[in-house]
PDB file of N, CA and C in Angstrom:
ATOM      1  N   MET A   1       0.939  -1.361   0.001  1.00  0.00           N
ATOM      2  CA  MET A   1       0.131   0.009   0.037  1.00  0.00           C
ATOM      3  C   MET A   1       0.417   1.279  -0.001  1.00  0.00           C
ATOM      4  N   ILE A   2       0.293   2.072  -0.890  1.00  0.00           N
ATOM      5  CA  ILE A   2       1.346   3.268  -1.121  1.00  0.00           C
ATOM      6  C   ILE A   2       1.042   4.644  -0.062  1.00  0.00           C
ATOM      7  N   ARG A   3       1.673   4.811   0.909  1.00  0.00           N
ATOM      8  CA  ARG A   3       0.998   5.996   1.840  1.00  0.00           C
ATOM      9  C   ARG A   3       1.143   7.170   1.405  1.00  0.00           C
ATOM     10  N   PRO A   4       0.223   7.966   1.894  1.00  0.00           N
ATOM     11  CA  PRO A   4      -0.111   9.121   1.658  1.00  0.00           C
ATOM     12  C   PRO A   4       0.989  10.455   1.766  1.00  0.00           C
ATOM     13  N   GLN A   5       1.482  11.399   1.061  1.00  0.00           N
ATOM     14  CA  GLN A   5       2.504  12.104   1.490  1.00  0.00           C
ATOM     15  C   GLN A   5       2.066  13.435   1.959  1.00  0.00           C
ATOM     16  N   LYS A   6       2.614  13.791   2.966  1.00  0.00           N
ATOM     17  CA  LYS A   6       2.652  15.171   3.498  1.00  0.00           C
ATOM     18  C   LYS A   6       2.395  16.316   2.463  1.00  0.00           C
ATOM     19  N   LEU A   7       1.079  17.031   2.735  1.00  0.00           N
ATOM     20  CA  LEU A   7       0.935  18.186   1.613  1.00  0.00           C
ATOM     21  C   LEU A   7       1.688  19.407   2.251  1.00  0.00           C
ATOM     22  N   ASP A   8       2.058  20.326   1.301  1.00  0.00           N
ATOM     23  CA  ASP A   8       2.649  21.523   1.404  1.00  0.00           C
ATOM     24  C   ASP A   8       1.658  22.261   2.416  1.00  0.00           C
ATOM     25  N   ASP A   9       2.204  23.681   2.959  1.00  0.00           N
ATOM     26  CA  ASP A   9       1.482  24.379   3.638  1.00  0.00           C
ATOM     27  C   ASP A   9       0.317  25.195   2.842  1.00  0.00           C
ATOM     28  N   ALA A  10       0.556  25.623   1.797  1.00  0.00           N
ATOM     29  CA  ALA A  10      -0.563  26.502   1.002  1.00  0.00           C
ATOM     30  C   ALA A  10      -1.792  25.526   0.790  1.00  0.00           C
ATOM     31  N   THR A  11      -1.606  24.063   0.396  1.00  0.00           N
ATOM     32  CA  THR A  11      -2.548  23.422   0.050  1.00  0.00           C
ATOM     33  C   THR A  11      -3.481  23.158   1.344  1.00  0.00           C
ATOM     34  N   VAL A  12      -3.004  22.746   2.683  1.00  0.00           N
ATOM     35  CA  VAL A  12      -3.514  22.696   3.802  1.00  0.00           C
ATOM     36  C   VAL A  12      -4.421  24.058   4.019  1.00  0.00           C
ATOM     37  N   THR A  13      -3.695  25.034   4.202  1.00  0.00           N
ATOM     38  CA  THR A  13      -4.208  26.448   4.481  1.00  0.00           C
ATOM     39  C   THR A  13      -5.289  26.666   3.327  1.00  0.00           C
ATOM     40  N   THR A  14      -5.647  26.275   1.998  1.00  0.00           N
ATOM     41  CA  THR A  14      -6.755  26.781   1.396  1.00  0.00           C
ATOM     42  C   THR A  14      -7.707  25.729   1.626  1.00  0.00           C
ATOM     43  N   TRP A  15      -7.363  24.709   2.244  1.00  0.00           N
ATOM     44  CA  TRP A  15      -8.513  23.561   2.402  1.00  0.00           C
ATOM     45  C   TRP A  15      -9.173  24.197   3.617  1.00  0.00           C
ATOM     46  N   LEU A  16      -8.109  24.553   5.032  1.00  0.00           N
ATOM     47  CA  LEU A  16      -8.912  25.030   5.668  1.00  0.00           C
ATOM     48  C   LEU A  16      -9.995  26.638   5.524  1.00  0.00           C
ATOM     49  N   ALA A  17      -9.335  27.194   4.898  1.00  0.00           N
ATOM     50  CA  ALA A  17     -10.457  28.326   4.013  1.00  0.00           C
ATOM     51  C   ALA A  17     -11.581  28.061   3.769  1.00  0.00           C
ATOM     52  N   ALA A  18     -11.724  26.845   3.014  1.00  0.00           N
ATOM     53  CA  ALA A  18     -13.027  26.371   2.330  1.00  0.00           C
ATOM     54  C   ALA A  18     -13.875  25.487   3.527  1.00  0.00           C
ATOM     55  N   HIS A  19     -13.235  25.070   4.490  1.00  0.00           N
ATOM     56  CA  HIS A  19     -13.818  24.431   5.437  1.00  0.00           C
ATOM     57  C   HIS A  19     -14.036  25.169   6.937  1.00  0.00           C
ATOM     58  N   PRO A  20     -14.773  25.866   7.385  1.00  0.00           N
ATOM     59  CA  PRO A  20     -15.069  26.716   8.568  1.00  0.00           C
ATOM     60  C   PRO A  20     -15.005  25.611   9.540  1.00  0.00           C
ATOM     61  N   GLY A  21     -14.787  25.975  10.910  1.00  0.00           N
ATOM     62  CA  GLY A  21     -14.602  25.220  11.871  1.00  0.00           C
ATOM     63  C   GLY A  21     -13.166  24.326  11.920  1.00  0.00           C
ATOM     64  N   TRP A  22     -12.312  24.079  11.294  1.00  0.00           N
ATOM     65  CA  TRP A  22     -11.321  23.268  11.214  1.00  0.00           C
ATOM     66  C   TRP A  22     -10.153  24.330  11.574  1.00  0.00           C
ATOM     67  N   GLU A  23      -9.094  23.894  12.147  1.00  0.00           N
ATOM     68  CA  GLU A  23      -7.967  24.455  12.228  1.00  0.00           C
ATOM     69  C   GLU A  23      -6.590  24.044  12.129  1.00  0.00           C
ATOM     70  N   ARG A  24      -5.942  24.666  12.061  1.00  0.00           N
ATOM     71  CA  ARG A  24      -4.398  23.997  12.328  1.00  0.00           C
ATOM     72  C   ARG A  24      -3.592  23.604  13.528  1.00  0.00           C
ATOM     73  N   VAL A  25      -3.609  22.474  13.909  1.00  0.00           N
ATOM     74  CA  VAL A  25      -2.700  22.451  15.414  1.00  0.00           C
ATOM     75  C   VAL A  25      -1.208  22.274  15.216  1.00  0.00           C
ATOM     76  N   GLY A  26      -0.492  22.937  15.395  1.00  0.00           N
ATOM     77  CA  GLY A  26       0.942  22.844  15.030  1.00  0.00           C
ATOM     78  C   GLY A  26       1.029  22.814  13.553  1.00  0.00           C
ATOM     79  N   ASP A  27       2.120  21.709  12.945  1.00  0.00           N
ATOM     80  CA  ASP A  27       2.475  21.683  11.952  1.00  0.00           C
ATOM     81  C   ASP A  27       2.011  20.380  11.310  1.00  0.00           C
ATOM     82  N   GLU A  28       1.660  19.729  12.366  1.00  0.00           N
ATOM     83  CA  GLU A  28       1.340  18.232  11.854  1.00  0.00           C
ATOM     84  C   GLU A  28      -0.301  17.507  11.607  1.00  0.00           C
ATOM     85  N   SER A  29      -1.189  18.944  12.177  1.00  0.00           N
ATOM     86  CA  SER A  29      -2.461  17.879  12.390  1.00  0.00           C
ATOM     87  C   SER A  29      -3.560  19.115  11.893  1.00  0.00           C
ATOM     88  N   ILE A  30      -4.596  18.784  11.907  1.00  0.00           N
ATOM     89  CA  ILE A  30      -5.881  19.529  11.816  1.00  0.00           C
ATOM     90  C   ILE A  30      -6.936  19.324  12.805  1.00  0.00           C
ATOM     91  N   ALA A  31      -7.877  20.099  13.327  1.00  0.00           N
ATOM     92  CA  ALA A  31      -8.784  19.678  14.482  1.00  0.00           C
ATOM     93  C   ALA A  31      -9.939  20.584  14.499  1.00  0.00           C
ATOM     94  N   ARG A  32     -11.182  19.780  14.713  1.00  0.00           N
ATOM     95  CA  ARG A  32     -12.293  20.651  14.844  1.00  0.00           C
ATOM     96  C   ARG A  32     -13.041  19.995  15.903  1.00  0.00           C
ATOM     97  N   THR A  33     -13.667  20.868  16.796  1.00  0.00           N
ATOM     98  CA  THR A  33     -14.539  20.532  17.972  1.00  0.00           C
ATOM     99  C   THR A  33     -15.938  20.783  17.371  1.00  0.00           C
ATOM    100  N   PHE A  34     -17.085  19.520  17.426  1.00  0.00           N
ATOM    101  CA  PHE A  34     -18.235  19.995  17.397  1.00  0.00           C
ATOM    102  C   PHE A  34     -18.958  20.131  18.436  1.00  0.00           C
ATOM    103  N   LYS A  35     -19.801  20.786  18.409  1.00  0.00           N
ATOM    104  CA  LYS A  35     -20.865  20.998  19.476  1.00  0.00           C
ATOM    105  C   LYS A  35     -22.408  20.096  19.102  1.00  0.00           C
ATOM    106  N   LEU A  36     -22.645  19.471  20.100  1.00  0.00           N
ATOM    107  CA  LEU A  36     -23.649  18.525  19.763  1.00  0.00           C
ATOM    108  C   LEU A  36     -24.567  18.767  21.013  1.00  0.00           C
ATOM    109  N   ALA A  37     -26.000  18.098  21.070  1.00  0.00           N
ATOM    110  CA  ALA A  37     -27.413  18.378  22.052  1.00  0.00           C
ATOM    111  C   ALA A  37     -26.891  17.598  23.286  1.00  0.00           C
ATOM    112  N   ASP A  38     -26.045  16.502  22.952  1.00  0.00           N
ATOM    113  CA  ASP A  38     -25.851  15.879  24.318  1.00  0.00           C
ATOM    114  C   ASP A  38     -24.753  14.897  24.166  1.00  0.00           C
ATOM    115  N   PHE A  39     -24.534  13.911  25.265  1.00  0.00           N
ATOM    116  CA  PHE A  39     -23.563  12.966  25.209  1.00  0.00           C
ATOM    117  C   PHE A  39     -23.665  11.973  24.209  1.00  0.00           C
ATOM    118  N   SER A  40     -24.815  11.521  23.801  1.00  0.00           N
ATOM    119  CA  SER A  40     -25.646  10.698  22.856  1.00  0.00           C
ATOM    120  C   SER A  40     -25.146  10.876  21.587  1.00  0.00           C
ATOM    121  N   LYS A  41     -25.569  12.102  21.555  1.00  0.00           N
ATOM    122  CA  LYS A  41     -25.410  13.021  20.087  1.00  0.00           C
ATOM    123  C   LYS A  41     -24.079  12.787  19.932  1.00  0.00           C
ATOM    124  N   ALA A  42     -23.135  13.385  20.600  1.00  0.00           N
ATOM    125  CA  ALA A  42     -21.418  13.220  20.641  1.00  0.00           C
ATOM    126  C   ALA A  42     -20.890  12.037  20.121  1.00  0.00           C
ATOM    127  N   LEU A  43     -21.430  10.859  21.149  1.00  0.00           N
ATOM    128  CA  LEU A  43     -21.316   9.790  21.138  1.00  0.00           C
ATOM    129  C   LEU A  43     -21.103   9.251  19.429  1.00  0.00           C
ATOM    130  N   ASP A  44     -22.615   9.190  19.140  1.00  0.00           N
ATOM    131  CA  ASP A  44     -23.201   8.726  17.920  1.00  0.00           C
ATOM    132  C   ASP A  44     -21.955   9.230  16.803  1.00  0.00           C
ATOM    133  N   LEU A  45     -21.916  10.490  16.952  1.00  0.00           N
ATOM    134  CA  LEU A  45     -21.146  11.087  15.937  1.00  0.00           C
ATOM    135  C   LEU A  45     -19.528  10.446  15.824  1.00  0.00           C
ATOM    136  N   VAL A  46     -19.013  10.163  17.011  1.00  0.00           N
ATOM    137  CA  VAL A  46     -17.564   9.401  16.998  1.00  0.00           C
ATOM    138  C   VAL A  46     -17.874   8.248  16.567  1.00  0.00           C
ATOM    139  N   VAL A  47     -18.738   7.359  16.956  1.00  0.00           N
ATOM    140  CA  VAL A  47     -18.848   5.773  16.707  1.00  0.00           C
ATOM    141  C   VAL A  47     -18.783   6.103  14.742  1.00  0.00           C
ATOM    142  N   ARG A  48     -19.751   7.031  14.255  1.00  0.00           N
ATOM    143  CA  ARG A  48     -20.015   7.217  12.805  1.00  0.00           C
ATOM    144  C   ARG A  48     -18.609   7.276  12.101  1.00  0.00           C
ATOM    145  N   VAL A  49     -17.848   8.380  13.011  1.00  0.00           N
ATOM    146  CA  VAL A  49     -16.685   8.686  12.057  1.00  0.00           C
ATOM    147  C   VAL A  49     -15.397   7.387  12.477  1.00  0.00           C
ATOM    148  N   GLY A  50     -15.701   6.962  13.800  1.00  0.00           N
ATOM    149  CA  GLY A  50     -14.920   5.485  13.751  1.00  0.00           C
ATOM    150  C   GLY A  50     -14.958   4.567  12.873  1.00  0.00           C
ATOM    151  N   HIS A  51     -16.433   4.309  12.514  1.00  0.00           N
ATOM    152  CA  HIS A  51     -16.599   3.260  11.339  1.00  0.00           C
ATOM    153  C   HIS A  51     -15.860   3.624  10.041  1.00  0.00           C
ATOM    154  N   GLU A  52     -15.854   4.764   9.593  1.00  0.00           N
ATOM    155  CA  GLU A  52     -15.524   5.324   8.294  1.00  0.00           C
ATOM    156  C   GLU A  52     -13.692   5.259   8.319  1.00  0.00           C
ATOM    157  N   ALA A  53     -13.311   5.582   9.724  1.00  0.00           N
ATOM    158  CA  ALA A  53     -11.867   5.408   9.761  1.00  0.00           C
ATOM    159  C   ALA A  53     -11.328   4.095   9.473  1.00  0.00           C
ATOM    160  N   ASP A  54     -12.026   2.993  10.392  1.00  0.00           N
ATOM    161  CA  ASP A  54     -11.686   1.864  10.296  1.00  0.00           C
ATOM    162  C   ASP A  54     -11.402   1.590   8.909  1.00  0.00           C
ATOM    163  N   ARG A  55     -12.646   1.753   7.833  1.00  0.00           N
ATOM    164  CA  ARG A  55     -12.607   1.207   6.570  1.00  0.00           C
ATOM    165  C   ARG A  55     -11.767   1.750   5.923  1.00  0.00           C
ATOM    166  N   ARG A  56     -11.287   3.256   6.187  1.00  0.00           N
ATOM    167  CA  ARG A  56     -10.214   3.746   5.473  1.00  0.00           C
ATOM    168  C   ARG A  56      -9.149   3.370   6.012  1.00  0.00           C
ATOM    169  N   ASP A  57      -8.791   2.610   7.167  1.00  0.00           N
ATOM    170  CA  ASP A  57      -7.451   2.546   7.893  1.00  0.00           C
ATOM    171  C   ASP A  57      -6.541   3.693   8.299  1.00  0.00           C
ATOM    172  N   HIS A  58      -7.395   4.859   8.716  1.00  0.00           N
ATOM    173  CA  HIS A  58      -6.839   6.024   9.122  1.00  0.00           C
ATOM    174  C   HIS A  58      -7.499   6.539  10.143  1.00  0.00           C
ATOM    175  N   HIS A  59      -6.780   6.537  11.712  1.00  0.00           N
ATOM    176  CA  HIS A  59      -7.824   6.923  12.288  1.00  0.00           C
ATOM    177  C   HIS A  59      -7.460   8.088  13.441  1.00  0.00           C
ATOM    178  N   PRO A  60      -8.444   8.915  13.729  1.00  0.00           N
ATOM    179  CA  PRO A  60      -8.048  10.161  14.343  1.00  0.00           C
ATOM    180  C   PRO A  60      -7.749  10.010  15.985  1.00  0.00           C
ATOM    181  N   ASP A  61      -7.342  11.335  16.443  1.00  0.00           N
ATOM    182  CA  ASP A  61      -7.230  11.055  17.935  1.00  0.00           C
ATOM    183  C   ASP A  61      -8.933  11.854  17.941  1.00  0.00           C
ATOM    184  N   ILE A  62      -9.606  11.257  19.319  1.00  0.00           N
ATOM    185  CA  ILE A  62     -11.002  11.732  19.464  1.00  0.00           C
ATOM    186  C   ILE A  62     -10.736  12.227  21.072  1.00  0.00           C
ATOM    187  N   GLU A  63     -11.461  13.231  21.335  1.00  0.00           N
ATOM    188  CA  GLU A  63     -11.901  13.790  22.636  1.00  0.00           C
ATOM    189  C   GLU A  63     -13.605  13.775  22.503  1.00  0.00           C
ATOM    190  N   LEU A  64     -13.963  13.151  23.573  1.00  0.00           N
ATOM    191  CA  LEU A  64     -15.433  12.888  23.514  1.00  0.00           C
ATOM    192  C   LEU A  64     -15.761  13.412  25.315  1.00  0.00           C
ATOM    193  N   GLY A  65     -16.838  14.184  25.277  1.00  0.00           N
ATOM    194  CA  GLY A  65     -17.404  15.023  26.191  1.00  0.00           C
ATOM    195  C   GLY A  65     -18.629  15.083  26.067  1.00  0.00           C
ATOM    196  N   TRP A  66     -19.790  15.448  27.061  1.00  0.00           N
ATOM    197  CA  TRP A  66     -21.092  15.736  27.313  1.00  0.00           C
ATOM    198  C   TRP A  66     -21.132  17.185  26.193  1.00  0.00           C
ATOM    199  N   GLY A  67     -21.635  16.712  24.978  1.00  0.00           N
ATOM    200  CA  GLY A  67     -22.043  17.650  23.782  1.00  0.00           C
ATOM    201  C   GLY A  67     -21.208  18.140  23.045  1.00  0.00           C
ATOM    202  N   ARG A  68     -20.116  17.177  22.939  1.00  0.00           N
ATOM    203  CA  ARG A  68     -19.120  17.678  22.117  1.00  0.00           C
ATOM    204  C   ARG A  68     -18.191  16.499  21.726  1.00  0.00           C
ATOM    205  N   ALA A  69     -17.634  16.733  20.697  1.00  0.00           N
ATOM    206  CA  ALA A  69     -16.703  15.632  20.012  1.00  0.00           C
ATOM    207  C   ALA A  69     -15.762  16.572  19.350  1.00  0.00           C
ATOM    208  N   ARG A  70     -14.295  15.844  19.666  1.00  0.00           N
ATOM    209  CA  ARG A  70     -13.117  16.922  18.929  1.00  0.00           C
ATOM    210  C   ARG A  70     -12.505  15.866  18.215  1.00  0.00           C
ATOM    211  N   PHE A  71     -12.238  15.977  16.901  1.00  0.00           N
ATOM    212  CA  PHE A  71     -11.564  14.961  15.830  1.00  0.00           C
ATOM    213  C   PHE A  71      -9.914  15.838  15.697  1.00  0.00           C
ATOM    214  N   LEU A  72      -8.928  15.238  15.758  1.00  0.00           N
ATOM    215  CA  LEU A  72      -7.676  15.544  15.487  1.00  0.00           C
ATOM    216  C   LEU A  72      -6.712  14.540  14.153  1.00  0.00           C
ATOM    217  N   TRP A  73      -7.096  15.103  12.708  1.00  0.00           N
ATOM    218  CA  TRP A  73      -6.603  14.268  11.624  1.00  0.00           C
ATOM    219  C   TRP A  73      -5.228  14.637  11.519  1.00  0.00           C
ATOM    220  N   SER A  74      -4.199  13.611  11.275  1.00  0.00           N
ATOM    221  CA  SER A  74      -3.083  13.571  10.851  1.00  0.00           C
ATOM    222  C   SER A  74      -2.472  12.241  10.688  1.00  0.00           C
ATOM    223  N   THR A  75      -1.447  12.459   9.582  1.00  0.00           N
ATOM    224  CA  THR A  75      -0.891  11.003   8.945  1.00  0.00           C
ATOM    225  C   THR A  75       0.561  10.996   9.859  1.00  0.00           C
ATOM    226  N   HIS A  76       0.594  10.438  10.972  1.00  0.00           N
ATOM    227  CA  HIS A  76       2.004  10.500  11.690  1.00  0.00           C
ATOM    228  C   HIS A  76       3.065  10.097  11.016  1.00  0.00           C
ATOM    229  N   ASP A  77       3.163   8.832  10.339  1.00  0.00           N
ATOM    230  CA  ASP A  77       3.961   8.442   9.168  1.00  0.00           C
ATOM    231  C   ASP A  77       4.581   9.157   8.349  1.00  0.00           C
ATOM    232  N   ALA A  78       3.655  10.055   7.991  1.00  0.00           N
ATOM    233  CA  ALA A  78       3.997  11.367   6.896  1.00  0.00           C
ATOM    234  C   ALA A  78       4.390  12.569   7.368  1.00  0.00           C
ATOM    235  N   GLY A  79       4.318  12.972   8.816  1.00  0.00           N
ATOM    236  CA  GLY A  79       4.859  13.946   9.523  1.00  0.00           C
ATOM    237  C   GLY A  79       3.982  14.872   9.181  1.00  0.00           C
ATOM    238  N   GLY A  80       2.915  14.536   9.045  1.00  0.00           N
ATOM    239  CA  GLY A  80       1.834  15.956   8.951  1.00  0.00           C
ATOM    240  C   GLY A  80       0.793  15.751   8.428  1.00  0.00           C
ATOM    241  N   VAL A  81      -0.361  16.762   7.348  1.00  0.00           N
ATOM    242  CA  VAL A  81      -1.671  16.608   6.937  1.00  0.00           C
ATOM    243  C   VAL A  81      -1.238  15.935   5.415  1.00  0.00           C
ATOM    244  N   THR A  82      -2.080  14.941   5.363  1.00  0.00           N
ATOM    245  CA  THR A  82      -2.092  14.495   4.224  1.00  0.00           C
ATOM    246  C   THR A  82      -3.463  14.598   3.271  1.00  0.00           C
ATOM    247  N   GLU A  83      -3.649  14.305   1.898  1.00  0.00           N
ATOM    248  CA  GLU A  83      -4.754  14.102   1.647  1.00  0.00           C
ATOM    249  C   GLU A  83      -6.111  13.352   1.988  1.00  0.00           C
ATOM    250  N   LEU A  84      -5.573  12.049   2.659  1.00  0.00           N
ATOM    251  CA  LEU A  84      -6.409  11.047   3.527  1.00  0.00           C
ATOM    252  C   LEU A  84      -6.780  12.054   4.689  1.00  0.00           C
ATOM    253  N   ASP A  85      -6.184  12.765   5.391  1.00  0.00           N
ATOM    254  CA  ASP A  85      -6.656  13.561   6.609  1.00  0.00           C
ATOM    255  C   ASP A  85      -8.017  14.752   6.051  1.00  0.00           C
ATOM    256  N   LEU A  86      -7.656  15.087   4.990  1.00  0.00           N
ATOM    257  CA  LEU A  86      -8.440  16.132   4.273  1.00  0.00           C
ATOM    258  C   LEU A  86      -9.520  15.536   4.024  1.00  0.00           C
ATOM    259  N   GLU A  87      -9.432  14.333   3.259  1.00  0.00           N
ATOM    260  CA  GLU A  87     -10.675  13.573   2.822  1.00  0.00           C
ATOM    261  C   GLU A  87     -11.515  13.166   4.160  1.00  0.00           C
ATOM    262  N   LEU A  88     -11.015  12.820   5.321  1.00  0.00           N
ATOM    263  CA  LEU A  88     -11.321  12.007   6.258  1.00  0.00           C
ATOM    264  C   LEU A  88     -12.155  13.267   7.489  1.00  0.00           C
ATOM    265  N   ALA A  89     -11.582  14.422   7.129  1.00  0.00           N
ATOM    266  CA  ALA A  89     -12.018  15.377   7.946  1.00  0.00           C
ATOM    267  C   ALA A  89     -13.510  15.881   7.064  1.00  0.00           C
ATOM    268  N   ALA A  90     -13.271  15.985   5.912  1.00  0.00           N
ATOM    269  CA  ALA A  90     -14.621  16.469   5.049  1.00  0.00           C
ATOM    270  C   ALA A  90     -15.424  15.381   4.987  1.00  0.00           C
ATOM    271  N   ALA A  91     -15.529  14.108   5.422  1.00  0.00           N
ATOM    272  CA  ALA A  91     -16.504  13.137   6.187  1.00  0.00           C
ATOM    273  C   ALA A  91     -16.640  13.168   7.025  1.00  0.00           C
ATOM    274  N   THR A  92     -16.094  13.898   8.446  1.00  0.00           N
ATOM    275  CA  THR A  92     -16.675  13.983   9.572  1.00  0.00           C
ATOM    276  C   THR A  92     -17.673  15.211   9.576  1.00  0.00           C
ATOM    277  N   ASP A  93     -17.356  16.186   8.771  1.00  0.00           N
ATOM    278  CA  ASP A  93     -18.365  17.245   8.267  1.00  0.00           C
ATOM    279  C   ASP A  93     -19.504  16.559   7.937  1.00  0.00           C
ATOM    280  N   THR A  94     -19.780  15.758   7.049  1.00  0.00           N
ATOM    281  CA  THR A  94     -20.675  15.180   6.722  1.00  0.00           C
ATOM    282  C   THR A  94     -21.730  14.562   7.431  1.00  0.00           C
ATOM    283  N   PHE A  95     -20.675  13.501   8.245  1.00  0.00           N
ATOM    284  CA  PHE A  95     -21.677  12.696   9.723  1.00  0.00           C
ATOM    285  C   PHE A  95     -21.947  13.643  10.060  1.00  0.00           C
ATOM    286  N   ALA A  96     -21.263  14.925  10.863  1.00  0.00           N
ATOM    287  CA  ALA A  96     -22.064  15.486  11.931  1.00  0.00           C
ATOM    288  C   ALA A  96     -23.365  16.408  11.284  1.00  0.00           C
ATOM    289  N   ALA A  97     -22.973  16.918   9.881  1.00  0.00           N
ATOM    290  CA  ALA A  97     -24.253  17.620   9.295  1.00  0.00           C
ATOM    291  C   ALA A  97     -25.260  16.672   9.227  1.00  0.00           C
ATOM    292  N   GLY A  98     -25.298  15.272   9.303  1.00  0.00           N
ATOM    293  CA  GLY A  98     -26.408  14.496   8.759  1.00  0.00           C
ATOM    294  C   GLY A  98     -27.027  13.291   9.884  1.00  0.00           C
TER     295      GLY A  98
END
């Protein structure tokens, strides 16, 4: 399997500008915190994203609390944000919206 390569800063910055709520965390990650109605809704989002992460064999760091879920995407072996992170961050938005 070919692993994705780290994206240049301009590509990540452009993506972030088009995806409100996401932010750069250091040089290696992007993150977003989603506010939800209660713990059950936050857990449901984590589970849905988790299933997609398993399907794609790429897993975020997740913080779960009452009414919130924070996702941090990074490709550790590439040393930063890759196209795979951006794809899964966008999928996270889709799951949160629906």
